[in-house]
Amino acid sequence: EDVLSKDAGECAICLEELQQGDTIARLPCLCIYHKGQVFLTMHIKFQKVAFIGCIDEWFEVNRSCPEHPSD
């Protein structure tokens, strides 16, 4: 399990911010994405909603990095 030590911009899958303390997956190409259960603040009534990590869902149907599909 890898935990982000500082804010790192935007997740290329869900477009939400990768924030310090988030559980992440770090791929061999060094790209990072949300992993495991992620809590995001929805803009409707600012509710926190949990969902499976971005990269977990991505890897259910893909076998490459979203940003480097030819690697």
N, C-alpha and C. Protein backbone atom coordinates (compact mmCIF):
# COMPACT_ATOMS: atom_id res chain seq x y z
N GLU A 1 0.85 -1.18 0.00
CA GLU A 1 0.00 0.00 0.00
C GLU A 1 0.89 1.24 0.00
N ASP A 2 0.60 2.14 -0.90
CA ASP A 2 1.39 3.35 -1.05
C ASP A 2 0.50 4.55 -0.72
N VAL A 3 0.97 5.42 0.15
CA VAL A 3 0.20 6.59 0.55
C VAL A 3 0.93 7.84 0.06
N LEU A 4 0.19 8.73 -0.54
CA LEU A 4 0.76 9.93 -1.13
C LEU A 4 1.27 10.87 -0.03
N SER A 5 2.52 11.29 -0.14
CA SER A 5 3.13 12.12 0.90
C SER A 5 2.89 13.62 0.69
N LYS A 6 2.48 14.00 -0.53
CA LYS A 6 2.14 15.41 -0.79
C LYS A 6 1.16 15.47 -1.96
N ASP A 7 0.43 16.56 -2.05
CA ASP A 7 -0.52 16.75 -3.15
C ASP A 7 0.20 16.58 -4.48
N ALA A 8 -0.47 15.93 -5.45
CA ALA A 8 0.22 15.61 -6.70
C ALA A 8 -0.62 15.91 -7.94
N GLY A 9 -1.45 16.90 -7.89
CA GLY A 9 -2.21 17.27 -9.08
C GLY A 9 -3.46 16.42 -9.24
N GLU A 10 -3.78 16.14 -10.49
CA GLU A 10 -5.06 15.54 -10.83
C GLU A 10 -4.90 14.09 -11.28
N CYS A 11 -5.81 13.23 -10.84
CA CYS A 11 -5.85 11.85 -11.30
C CYS A 11 -6.37 11.85 -12.74
N ALA A 12 -5.63 11.23 -13.65
CA ALA A 12 -6.00 11.24 -15.07
C ALA A 12 -7.24 10.41 -15.36
N ILE A 13 -7.68 9.60 -14.42
CA ILE A 13 -8.86 8.77 -14.64
C ILE A 13 -10.13 9.48 -14.18
N CYS A 14 -10.16 9.93 -12.92
CA CYS A 14 -11.39 10.55 -12.38
C CYS A 14 -11.35 12.07 -12.42
N LEU A 15 -10.17 12.64 -12.68
CA LEU A 15 -9.96 14.09 -12.75
C LEU A 15 -10.12 14.80 -11.41
N GLU A 16 -10.12 14.04 -10.31
CA GLU A 16 -10.13 14.63 -8.97
C GLU A 16 -8.69 14.80 -8.51
N GLU A 17 -8.48 15.68 -7.55
CA GLU A 17 -7.14 15.94 -7.05
C GLU A 17 -6.58 14.74 -6.28
N LEU A 18 -5.32 14.45 -6.50
CA LEU A 18 -4.59 13.48 -5.69
C LEU A 18 -4.03 14.25 -4.50
N GLN A 19 -4.54 13.93 -3.30
CA GLN A 19 -4.19 14.72 -2.12
C GLN A 19 -3.34 13.91 -1.15
N GLN A 20 -2.55 14.64 -0.38
CA GLN A 20 -1.71 14.02 0.65
C GLN A 20 -2.57 13.08 1.49
N GLY A 21 -2.06 11.87 1.70
CA GLY A 21 -2.78 10.89 2.50
C GLY A 21 -3.62 9.92 1.69
N ASP A 22 -3.86 10.21 0.41
CA ASP A 22 -4.62 9.30 -0.45
C ASP A 22 -3.84 8.01 -0.66
N THR A 23 -4.54 6.89 -0.71
CA THR A 23 -3.92 5.62 -1.08
C THR A 23 -3.82 5.60 -2.60
N ILE A 24 -2.64 5.29 -3.09
CA ILE A 24 -2.40 5.36 -4.53
C ILE A 24 -1.76 4.08 -5.05
N ALA A 25 -1.83 3.92 -6.36
CA ALA A 25 -1.06 2.90 -7.07
C ALA A 25 -0.02 3.66 -7.87
N ARG A 26 1.22 3.22 -7.76
CA ARG A 26 2.32 3.83 -8.51
C ARG A 26 2.77 2.79 -9.54
N LEU A 27 2.54 3.07 -10.81
CA LEU A 27 2.86 2.13 -11.88
C LEU A 27 4.34 2.18 -12.23
N PRO A 28 4.85 1.18 -12.96
CA PRO A 28 6.27 1.17 -13.34
C PRO A 28 6.70 2.43 -14.09
N CYS A 29 5.79 3.05 -14.82
CA CYS A 29 6.10 4.29 -15.55
C CYS A 29 6.12 5.50 -14.63
N LEU A 30 5.84 5.29 -13.33
CA LEU A 30 5.80 6.29 -12.26
C LEU A 30 4.53 7.14 -12.25
N CYS A 31 3.56 6.84 -13.10
CA CYS A 31 2.25 7.51 -13.02
C CYS A 31 1.54 7.03 -11.75
N ILE A 32 0.73 7.90 -11.15
CA ILE A 32 0.01 7.54 -9.93
C ILE A 32 -1.48 7.80 -10.10
N TYR A 33 -2.28 6.94 -9.45
CA TYR A 33 -3.73 7.01 -9.52
C TYR A 33 -4.31 6.61 -8.18
N HIS A 34 -5.57 6.98 -7.94
CA HIS A 34 -6.26 6.53 -6.73
C HIS A 34 -6.35 5.01 -6.73
N LYS A 35 -6.19 4.41 -5.55
CA LYS A 35 -6.32 2.96 -5.40
C LYS A 35 -7.11 2.66 -4.14
N GLY A 36 -7.79 1.53 -4.15
CA GLY A 36 -8.58 1.14 -2.98
C GLY A 36 -9.81 2.02 -2.87
N GLN A 37 -10.36 2.10 -1.68
CA GLN A 37 -11.56 2.90 -1.48
C GLN A 37 -11.19 4.38 -1.43
N VAL A 38 -11.85 5.18 -2.24
CA VAL A 38 -11.56 6.61 -2.36
C VAL A 38 -12.80 7.39 -1.93
N PHE A 39 -12.61 8.43 -1.15
CA PHE A 39 -13.72 9.29 -0.74
C PHE A 39 -13.56 10.62 -1.45
N LEU A 40 -14.55 10.99 -2.24
CA LEU A 40 -14.53 12.26 -2.96
C LEU A 40 -15.68 13.12 -2.50
N THR A 41 -15.48 14.40 -2.48
CA THR A 41 -16.55 15.33 -2.14
C THR A 41 -17.31 15.67 -3.40
N MET A 42 -18.57 15.29 -3.44
CA MET A 42 -19.40 15.58 -4.61
C MET A 42 -19.84 17.04 -4.55
N HIS A 43 -19.98 17.64 -5.69
CA HIS A 43 -20.34 19.05 -5.75
C HIS A 43 -21.82 19.29 -5.43
N ILE A 44 -22.62 18.24 -5.48
CA ILE A 44 -24.03 18.36 -5.12
C ILE A 44 -24.14 18.17 -3.61
N LYS A 45 -24.45 19.20 -2.92
CA LYS A 45 -24.60 19.20 -1.45
C LYS A 45 -23.31 18.82 -0.73
N PHE A 46 -22.18 18.83 -1.42
CA PHE A 46 -20.87 18.56 -0.83
C PHE A 46 -20.85 17.29 0.01
N GLN A 47 -21.42 16.23 -0.52
CA GLN A 47 -21.42 14.95 0.17
C GLN A 47 -20.15 14.18 -0.16
N LYS A 48 -19.67 13.41 0.81
CA LYS A 48 -18.53 12.53 0.54
C LYS A 48 -19.07 11.18 0.09
N VAL A 49 -18.54 10.71 -1.02
CA VAL A 49 -18.99 9.45 -1.60
C VAL A 49 -17.79 8.53 -1.77
N ALA A 50 -17.93 7.28 -1.41
CA ALA A 50 -16.84 6.31 -1.56
C ALA A 50 -17.06 5.50 -2.83
N PHE A 51 -15.97 5.19 -3.52
CA PHE A 51 -16.03 4.28 -4.65
C PHE A 51 -14.71 3.55 -4.77
N ILE A 52 -14.71 2.48 -5.55
CA ILE A 52 -13.48 1.71 -5.74
C ILE A 52 -12.45 2.58 -6.45
N GLY A 53 -11.20 2.38 -6.14
CA GLY A 53 -10.14 3.21 -6.70
C GLY A 53 -10.11 3.21 -8.22
N CYS A 54 -9.74 4.34 -8.77
CA CYS A 54 -9.73 4.55 -10.21
C CYS A 54 -8.95 3.47 -10.95
N ILE A 55 -7.73 3.20 -10.50
CA ILE A 55 -6.87 2.27 -11.23
C ILE A 55 -7.38 0.84 -11.09
N ASP A 56 -8.06 0.53 -9.98
CA ASP A 56 -8.63 -0.81 -9.81
C ASP A 56 -9.67 -1.07 -10.89
N GLU A 57 -10.56 -0.11 -11.10
CA GLU A 57 -11.59 -0.25 -12.14
C GLU A 57 -10.95 -0.26 -13.53
N TRP A 58 -9.97 0.59 -13.75
CA TRP A 58 -9.29 0.66 -15.05
C TRP A 58 -8.69 -0.71 -15.40
N PHE A 59 -8.02 -1.35 -14.43
CA PHE A 59 -7.36 -2.62 -14.70
C PHE A 59 -8.33 -3.79 -14.85
N GLU A 60 -9.61 -3.60 -14.53
CA GLU A 60 -10.59 -4.64 -14.78
C GLU A 60 -10.78 -4.85 -16.29
N VAL A 61 -10.54 -3.81 -17.10
CA VAL A 61 -10.74 -3.91 -18.54
C VAL A 61 -9.51 -3.54 -19.37
N ASN A 62 -8.46 -3.05 -18.74
CA ASN A 62 -7.24 -2.64 -19.45
C ASN A 62 -6.02 -3.24 -18.78
N ARG A 63 -4.93 -3.32 -19.50
CA ARG A 63 -3.68 -3.86 -18.94
C ARG A 63 -2.51 -2.92 -19.15
N SER A 64 -2.78 -1.64 -19.32
CA SER A 64 -1.70 -0.67 -19.52
C SER A 64 -2.03 0.62 -18.78
N CYS A 65 -1.03 1.46 -18.65
CA CYS A 65 -1.22 2.76 -18.02
C CYS A 65 -2.17 3.60 -18.88
N PRO A 66 -3.12 4.29 -18.28
CA PRO A 66 -4.03 5.16 -19.05
C PRO A 66 -3.31 6.25 -19.84
N GLU A 67 -2.16 6.69 -19.33
CA GLU A 67 -1.43 7.77 -19.99
C GLU A 67 -0.33 7.28 -20.93
N HIS A 68 0.00 5.98 -20.82
CA HIS A 68 1.06 5.39 -21.65
C HIS A 68 0.59 4.02 -22.17
N PRO A 69 -0.44 3.98 -22.99
CA PRO A 69 -1.01 2.69 -23.41
C PRO A 69 -0.08 1.81 -24.22
N SER A 70 0.95 2.36 -24.84
CA SER A 70 1.85 1.55 -25.65
C SER A 70 3.00 0.95 -24.83
N ASP A 71 3.12 1.34 -23.55
CA ASP A 71 4.22 0.81 -22.71
C ASP A 71 3.93 -0.61 -22.26
